[in-house]
Amino acid sequence: MKKIILIRHAKSSWDNPWLSDHDRPLAERGINDAPKMAKRLKKRGIKPDLILSSTALRASETAKITAKELGYSIDDIVWEKNLFHGSPNTILKYIHMQKDSKNTILVFGHNPGFNELINFLGGDIENLPTCGQFGFKLKSEKWADLKPEKAEVWFFDFPKKKD
């Protein structure tokens, strides 16, 4: 069964107002939340076959922290600049393009695209918080089949959620 987990970047820093949005690093809270949330993935037994990430610094730092915690090589992360503030259609396009040999994919990116994609696929969410994770199971063995009628909500987790 195919599994996709959309992970919003951890909390970013606004300490330097002159930085471009793309170049904002993680804030201290983000640096603390990212490994904590990666450990929750590990506790679920999640082992990604592919990590796909926006090139924005806050997303890439979150992806690297998560990869390290899950034993996934940072060198194998696929960087995609179009995931930076990508629309739901853009995000879906990159998921559809993945090899069917990959069964569990983690995608690191941003709102509002993630919120809209989650709702389109059948999730019910107002806001995916920073470092939030939203998982779907695909009722197909082909990534190209990911659409609302083939998606099943798996889980929703975020840093402030109580166990």
Protein backbone atom coordinates (compact mmCIF):
# COMPACT_ATOMS: atom_id res chain seq x y z
CA MET A 1 0.00 0.00 0.00
CA LYS A 2 1.27 3.45 -0.93
CA LYS A 3 1.59 6.02 1.86
CA ILE A 4 2.16 9.76 1.52
CA ILE A 5 2.95 12.08 4.41
CA LEU A 6 2.77 15.83 3.87
CA ILE A 7 5.01 17.62 6.38
CA ARG A 8 4.92 21.37 6.78
CA HIS A 9 8.28 22.95 7.57
CA ALA A 10 9.04 23.60 11.24
CA LYS A 11 8.67 27.09 12.73
CA SER A 12 10.82 29.60 10.88
CA SER A 13 12.71 32.59 12.17
CA TRP A 14 11.74 36.16 11.41
CA ASP A 15 14.82 37.58 13.18
CA ASN A 16 16.22 39.04 9.95
CA PRO A 17 13.51 41.01 8.13
CA TRP A 18 15.83 41.52 5.14
CA LEU A 19 16.04 37.84 4.23
CA SER A 20 13.98 36.64 1.30
CA ASP A 21 11.10 34.36 2.28
CA HIS A 22 12.90 31.45 0.59
CA ASP A 23 15.99 31.93 2.78
CA ARG A 24 14.40 32.07 6.25
CA PRO A 25 16.00 29.50 8.60
CA LEU A 26 14.34 27.60 11.41
CA ALA A 27 13.60 29.35 14.67
CA GLU A 28 14.67 27.77 17.95
CA ARG A 29 11.17 26.28 18.33
CA GLY A 30 11.47 24.73 14.87
CA ILE A 31 14.89 23.29 15.67
CA ASN A 32 13.34 21.65 18.76
CA ASP A 33 10.08 20.50 17.11
CA ALA A 34 11.58 18.89 13.99
CA PRO A 35 13.45 16.02 15.72
CA LYS A 36 10.55 15.52 18.16
CA MET A 37 8.12 15.06 15.24
CA ALA A 38 10.60 12.83 13.37
CA LYS A 39 10.74 10.59 16.44
CA ARG A 40 6.94 10.29 16.27
CA LEU A 41 7.24 9.09 12.66
CA LYS A 42 9.85 6.58 13.78
CA LYS A 43 7.55 5.40 16.58
CA ARG A 44 4.87 4.74 13.92
CA GLY A 45 7.39 2.54 12.12
CA ILE A 46 7.61 4.88 9.13
CA LYS A 47 10.58 4.26 6.87
CA PRO A 48 10.50 6.53 3.82
CA ASP A 49 11.46 5.22 0.40
CA LEU A 50 11.64 8.81 -0.81
CA ILE A 51 11.90 12.25 0.74
CA LEU A 52 10.88 15.11 -1.54
CA SER A 53 11.40 18.66 -0.29
CA SER A 54 10.95 22.28 -1.18
CA THR A 55 14.28 24.08 -1.57
CA ALA A 56 13.25 26.81 0.91
CA LEU A 57 15.73 26.81 3.78
CA ARG A 58 13.14 26.16 6.51
CA ALA A 59 11.72 23.16 4.59
CA SER A 60 15.13 21.76 3.67
CA GLU A 61 16.37 22.03 7.28
CA THR A 62 13.21 20.23 8.48
CA ALA A 63 13.68 17.51 5.84
CA LYS A 64 17.35 17.00 6.79
CA ILE A 65 16.58 16.73 10.52
CA THR A 66 13.81 14.22 9.79
CA ALA A 67 15.95 12.21 7.39
CA LYS A 68 18.74 11.94 9.95
CA GLU A 69 16.33 10.74 12.65
CA LEU A 70 14.79 8.14 10.30
CA GLY A 71 18.14 6.85 9.00
CA TYR A 72 17.50 8.19 5.48
CA SER A 73 20.53 9.54 3.63
CA ILE A 74 20.47 13.32 3.26
CA ASP A 75 22.17 12.81 -0.12
CA ASP A 76 19.07 10.95 -1.33
CA ILE A 77 16.62 13.78 -0.59
CA VAL A 78 15.07 15.08 -3.82
CA TRP A 79 14.99 18.89 -3.87
CA GLU A 80 12.24 20.58 -5.86
CA LYS A 81 12.12 24.37 -6.09
CA ASN A 82 8.53 24.32 -7.41
CA LEU A 83 7.29 22.97 -4.07
CA PHE A 84 8.12 26.39 -2.56
CA HIS A 85 4.61 27.82 -2.17
CA GLY A 86 3.41 25.26 -4.69
CA SER A 87 -0.28 25.02 -5.48
CA PRO A 88 -2.13 21.78 -4.70
CA ASN A 89 -1.95 20.91 -8.42
CA THR A 90 1.82 21.42 -8.46
CA ILE A 91 2.35 19.29 -5.33
CA LEU A 92 0.09 16.57 -6.73
CA LYS A 93 1.96 16.65 -10.04
CA TYR A 94 5.26 15.86 -8.28
CA ILE A 95 3.66 13.04 -6.30
CA HIS A 96 2.10 11.59 -9.47
CA MET A 97 5.54 11.59 -11.14
CA GLN A 98 7.17 9.33 -8.54
CA LYS A 99 8.21 5.78 -9.32
CA ASP A 100 5.73 3.15 -8.23
CA SER A 101 8.61 1.23 -6.64
CA LYS A 102 8.51 3.85 -3.85
CA ASN A 103 5.87 2.92 -1.26
CA THR A 104 6.25 5.58 1.43
CA ILE A 105 6.94 9.18 0.45
CA LEU A 106 7.48 12.18 2.72
CA VAL A 107 6.90 15.59 1.13
CA PHE A 108 8.17 18.72 2.90
CA GLY A 109 6.59 22.01 1.96
CA HIS A 110 4.33 24.89 2.79
CA ASN A 111 0.87 26.29 3.36
CA PRO A 112 -1.50 27.23 1.83
CA GLY A 113 -0.77 24.52 -0.77
CA PHE A 114 -0.66 21.71 1.80
CA ASN A 115 -3.93 22.82 3.47
CA GLU A 116 -5.69 22.91 0.14
CA LEU A 117 -4.28 19.57 -1.03
CA ILE A 118 -5.22 17.86 2.25
CA ASN A 119 -8.80 19.12 1.96
CA PHE A 120 -8.96 18.17 -1.73
CA LEU A 121 -7.87 14.61 -0.93
CA GLY A 122 -10.54 14.23 1.76
CA GLY A 123 -8.82 15.43 4.90
CA ASP A 124 -10.68 17.93 7.05
CA ILE A 125 -8.29 20.59 8.25
CA GLU A 126 -8.30 24.34 8.71
CA ASN A 127 -4.56 24.66 9.15
CA LEU A 128 -1.60 22.30 9.04
CA PRO A 129 0.56 23.80 11.82
CA THR A 130 4.30 24.24 11.44
CA CYS A 131 5.98 20.84 11.66
CA GLY A 132 2.55 19.24 11.27
CA GLN A 133 2.25 15.87 9.53
CA PHE A 134 -0.75 14.66 7.54
CA GLY A 135 -0.68 11.11 6.23
CA PHE A 136 -2.77 9.43 3.54
CA LYS A 137 -2.91 5.84 2.37
CA LEU A 138 -3.48 5.31 -1.33
CA LYS A 139 -5.96 2.66 -2.43
CA SER A 140 -3.79 1.85 -5.45
CA GLU A 141 -0.28 0.72 -6.26
CA LYS A 142 0.31 3.64 -8.64
CA TRP A 143 1.19 7.17 -7.55
CA ALA A 144 -0.54 8.52 -10.65
CA ASP A 145 -3.83 7.31 -9.13
CA LEU A 146 -3.64 9.66 -6.14
CA LYS A 147 -6.97 11.51 -6.18
CA PRO A 148 -9.79 12.00 -3.63
CA GLU A 149 -11.59 8.70 -4.30
CA LYS A 150 -8.33 6.75 -3.94
CA ALA A 151 -7.04 8.55 -0.81
CA GLU A 152 -7.78 7.50 2.75
CA VAL A 153 -6.84 9.65 5.76
CA TRP A 154 -4.20 7.84 7.79
CA PHE A 155 -3.18 10.27 10.56
CA PHE A 156 -2.74 13.91 11.52
CA ASP A 157 -0.08 14.94 14.03
CA PHE A 158 1.51 18.20 15.12
CA PRO A 159 3.92 19.34 17.87
CA LYS A 160 1.31 20.53 20.39
CA LYS A 161 -0.95 17.50 19.98
CA LYS A 162 -1.37 15.50 23.16
CA ASP A 163 -0.75 11.74 22.92
